[in-house]
Protein backbone atom coordinates (compact mmCIF):
# COMPACT_ATOMS: atom_id res chain seq x y z
CA UNK A 1 3.72 -70.63 2.97
CA UNK A 2 6.79 -68.78 4.16
CA UNK A 3 6.34 -66.27 1.36
CA UNK A 4 2.74 -65.67 2.40
CA UNK A 5 3.80 -65.21 6.02
CA UNK A 6 6.49 -62.68 5.01
CA UNK A 7 4.01 -60.71 2.87
CA UNK A 8 1.38 -60.65 5.62
CA UNK A 9 3.87 -59.54 8.26
CA UNK A 10 5.19 -56.82 5.89
CA UNK A 11 1.66 -55.54 5.31
CA UNK A 12 0.92 -55.62 9.04
CA UNK A 13 4.08 -53.66 9.81
CA UNK A 14 3.32 -51.13 7.07
CA UNK A 15 -0.15 -50.34 8.46
CA UNK A 16 0.76 -50.56 12.14
CA UNK A 17 0.79 -47.29 14.08
CA UNK A 18 4.08 -46.19 15.57
CA UNK A 19 4.30 -46.32 19.36
CA UNK A 20 3.46 -43.07 21.19
CA UNK A 21 6.47 -40.93 22.11
CA UNK A 22 8.02 -41.81 25.45
CA UNK A 23 8.84 -39.13 28.03
CA UNK A 24 12.35 -39.55 29.22
CA UNK A 25 13.25 -37.54 32.35
CA UNK A 26 16.39 -35.41 32.19
CA UNK A 27 19.63 -36.95 33.29
CA UNK A 28 20.71 -36.23 36.83
CA UNK A 29 24.28 -37.33 36.25
CA UNK A 30 25.52 -33.72 36.25
CA UNK A 31 23.83 -32.58 39.46
CA UNK A 32 23.92 -29.07 40.87
CA UNK A 33 26.95 -26.85 40.28
CA UNK A 34 29.69 -27.53 42.76
CA UNK A 35 30.87 -24.86 45.17
CA UNK A 36 34.48 -24.36 44.12
CA UNK A 37 35.19 -21.39 46.37
CA UNK A 38 33.54 -20.15 49.51
CA UNK A 39 31.83 -16.79 49.18
CA UNK A 40 33.89 -14.27 51.12
CA UNK A 41 34.20 -10.55 51.52
CA UNK A 42 36.24 -8.61 48.96
CA UNK A 43 39.97 -8.75 49.46
CA UNK A 44 41.50 -5.55 50.87
CA UNK A 45 45.05 -6.33 49.77
CA UNK A 46 45.25 -3.10 47.74
CA UNK A 47 44.03 -0.73 50.47
CA UNK A 48 42.07 2.50 49.99
CA UNK A 49 42.66 4.73 46.96
CA UNK A 50 45.62 7.06 47.27
CA UNK A 51 45.43 10.82 47.08
CA UNK A 52 48.43 10.85 44.76
CA UNK A 53 47.45 14.02 42.89
CA UNK A 54 46.00 16.03 45.76
CA UNK A 55 42.75 18.01 45.76
CA UNK A 56 41.35 19.45 42.52
CA UNK A 57 43.17 22.54 41.33
CA UNK A 58 41.49 25.92 41.03
CA UNK A 59 44.18 27.31 38.72
CA UNK A 60 41.50 28.54 36.31
CA UNK A 61 39.47 30.29 38.98
CA UNK A 62 35.69 30.38 39.26
CA UNK A 63 33.58 30.39 36.11
CA UNK A 64 33.23 33.86 34.65
CA UNK A 65 30.11 35.50 33.29
CA UNK A 66 32.04 37.31 30.56
CA UNK A 67 29.32 37.07 27.93
CA UNK A 68 26.44 38.74 29.74
CA UNK A 69 22.94 39.22 28.35
CA UNK A 70 22.31 39.62 24.61
CA UNK A 71 22.72 43.07 23.10
CA UNK A 72 19.72 45.16 22.07
CA UNK A 73 21.78 46.80 19.31
CA UNK A 74 19.57 45.48 16.49
CA UNK A 75 16.19 45.49 18.22
CA UNK A 76 13.48 42.82 17.94
CA UNK A 77 13.09 40.78 14.74
CA UNK A 78 10.96 42.28 11.98
CA UNK A 79 7.51 40.83 11.30
CA UNK A 80 7.50 41.97 7.67
CA UNK A 81 8.67 38.49 6.56
CA UNK A 82 6.14 36.40 8.49
CA UNK A 83 4.31 33.30 7.36
CA UNK A 84 2.86 33.32 3.81
CA UNK A 85 -0.09 35.68 3.55
CA UNK A 86 1.14 37.71 6.53
CA UNK A 87 2.69 41.08 5.82
CA UNK A 88 5.20 41.58 3.01
CA UNK A 89 4.00 40.74 -0.51
CA UNK A 90 0.75 39.08 0.47
CA UNK A 91 -0.95 40.00 -2.82
CA UNK A 92 1.73 38.41 -5.04
CA UNK A 93 0.99 34.75 -5.98
CA UNK A 94 3.81 32.25 -6.46
CA UNK A 95 4.89 32.02 -10.09
CA UNK A 96 7.95 30.04 -11.18
CA UNK A 97 9.31 27.33 -13.46
CA UNK A 98 12.49 25.24 -13.17
CA UNK A 99 14.06 22.19 -14.75
CA UNK A 100 17.24 20.12 -14.39
CA UNK A 101 18.59 16.86 -15.78
CA UNK A 102 21.66 14.82 -14.76
CA UNK A 103 22.88 12.15 -17.19
CA UNK A 104 26.24 10.55 -16.31
CA UNK A 105 26.67 7.23 -18.19
CA UNK A 106 29.97 6.23 -16.48
CA UNK A 107 28.25 6.18 -13.08
CA UNK A 108 24.84 5.12 -14.39
CA UNK A 109 23.14 8.22 -12.96
CA UNK A 110 20.20 9.54 -14.96
CA UNK A 111 17.64 11.68 -13.14
CA UNK A 112 15.85 14.98 -13.43
CA UNK A 113 13.00 17.19 -12.29
CA UNK A 114 10.86 19.88 -13.83
CA UNK A 115 8.12 21.92 -12.20
CA UNK A 116 5.97 24.95 -12.89
CA UNK A 117 3.72 26.83 -10.48
CA UNK A 118 1.05 29.42 -11.04
CA UNK A 119 -0.47 30.61 -7.76
CA UNK A 120 -1.68 27.55 -5.83
CA UNK A 121 -1.52 25.16 -8.82
CA UNK A 122 1.68 23.19 -9.30
CA UNK A 123 2.48 20.67 -12.04
CA UNK A 124 5.66 18.76 -12.58
CA UNK A 125 7.48 15.50 -13.06
CA UNK A 126 10.65 13.86 -11.85
CA UNK A 127 12.39 10.71 -12.99
CA UNK A 128 15.25 8.42 -12.05
CA UNK A 129 16.96 5.48 -13.74
CA UNK A 130 16.73 2.58 -11.27
CA UNK A 131 19.57 0.05 -10.80
CA UNK A 132 17.52 -2.68 -12.54
CA UNK A 133 17.33 -0.62 -15.76
CA UNK A 134 13.80 0.72 -15.34
CA UNK A 135 13.03 4.42 -15.60
CA UNK A 136 10.71 5.53 -12.80
CA UNK A 137 8.72 8.66 -13.65
CA UNK A 138 6.42 10.55 -11.29
CA UNK A 139 4.10 13.10 -12.87
CA UNK A 140 2.21 15.13 -10.31
CA UNK A 141 -0.14 17.99 -9.65
CA UNK A 142 -0.57 19.81 -6.36
CA UNK A 143 -3.44 22.17 -5.77
CA UNK A 144 -6.21 22.88 -3.27
CA UNK A 145 -7.26 19.20 -3.55
CA UNK A 146 -3.79 17.95 -2.46
CA UNK A 147 -0.84 16.15 -4.04
CA UNK A 148 -1.78 13.74 -6.84
CA UNK A 149 1.10 11.66 -8.26
CA UNK A 150 0.99 9.28 -11.24
CA UNK A 151 3.91 6.82 -11.11
CA UNK A 152 5.04 4.87 -14.18
CA UNK A 153 7.90 2.50 -14.96
CA UNK A 154 9.55 1.95 -18.34
CA UNK A 155 12.25 -0.60 -19.22
CA UNK A 156 15.13 1.15 -20.96
CA UNK A 157 18.09 -0.65 -22.53
CA UNK A 158 18.74 -4.28 -21.67
CA UNK A 159 18.52 -3.92 -17.87
CA UNK A 160 21.10 -2.86 -15.36
CA UNK A 161 21.09 0.91 -15.03
CA UNK A 162 24.63 0.82 -13.66
CA UNK A 163 27.51 -0.46 -15.78
CA UNK A 164 28.66 -3.93 -14.61
CA UNK A 165 26.30 -3.87 -11.66
CA UNK A 166 27.95 -0.62 -10.45
CA UNK A 167 27.23 1.02 -7.10
CA UNK A 168 24.03 -0.49 -5.79
CA UNK A 169 23.30 -2.20 -9.12
CA UNK A 170 22.54 -5.83 -9.76
CA UNK A 171 25.08 -8.21 -11.28
CA UNK A 172 23.56 -10.20 -14.15
C-alpha cells in the first residue's frame, strides 16, 4: 500500500504544473543615495589666473603677404591633352599588352596579371595563391557591354599557401 502511495504521488508530482513565477518587489534596504557633502559654490582658494608671462609678443610682426598672386610666366594650361577623344591623338585607338608574375616560395607569394587591349576590347586574367592553398584566377573581358569576369578556384599542393601558416596563413 505504501509503495502504491509513493508511486501515485511521484506520478502526480511529475505531471503537476510548476507554480507561476512570483513578482518580488525590489529591495528598499539601500534607499536613496545619501548627501555626503552640501552643494556649494566653487572654492576660490587659488584666486584668478596670473599674468605671469605678460601680453602676447609681437616679435614676429604682422603676417606678411610675401608670396603674392601666382605668376603668369607659363600661361594657362594646354587643352591638347584633354579627356580621351578630345584633342591630341583622338584617332589612335588603345593598343597594348603586358604581363607579370611574382613567385616567391619563402614568403608564399604567387600572383600575376596579364592583359591585352585592342581599341575598346580588353581581355586578361589575374591570379593569386590564397593562404588556404587555393589558386584564385579571374579571367575577364571588358568591352562596350561592360566588365565580365569569370572566377575560378583550384586547390594546389596540400593546402596552406604560406609556409607554416606564414603571414596571414592558417596553421594546420
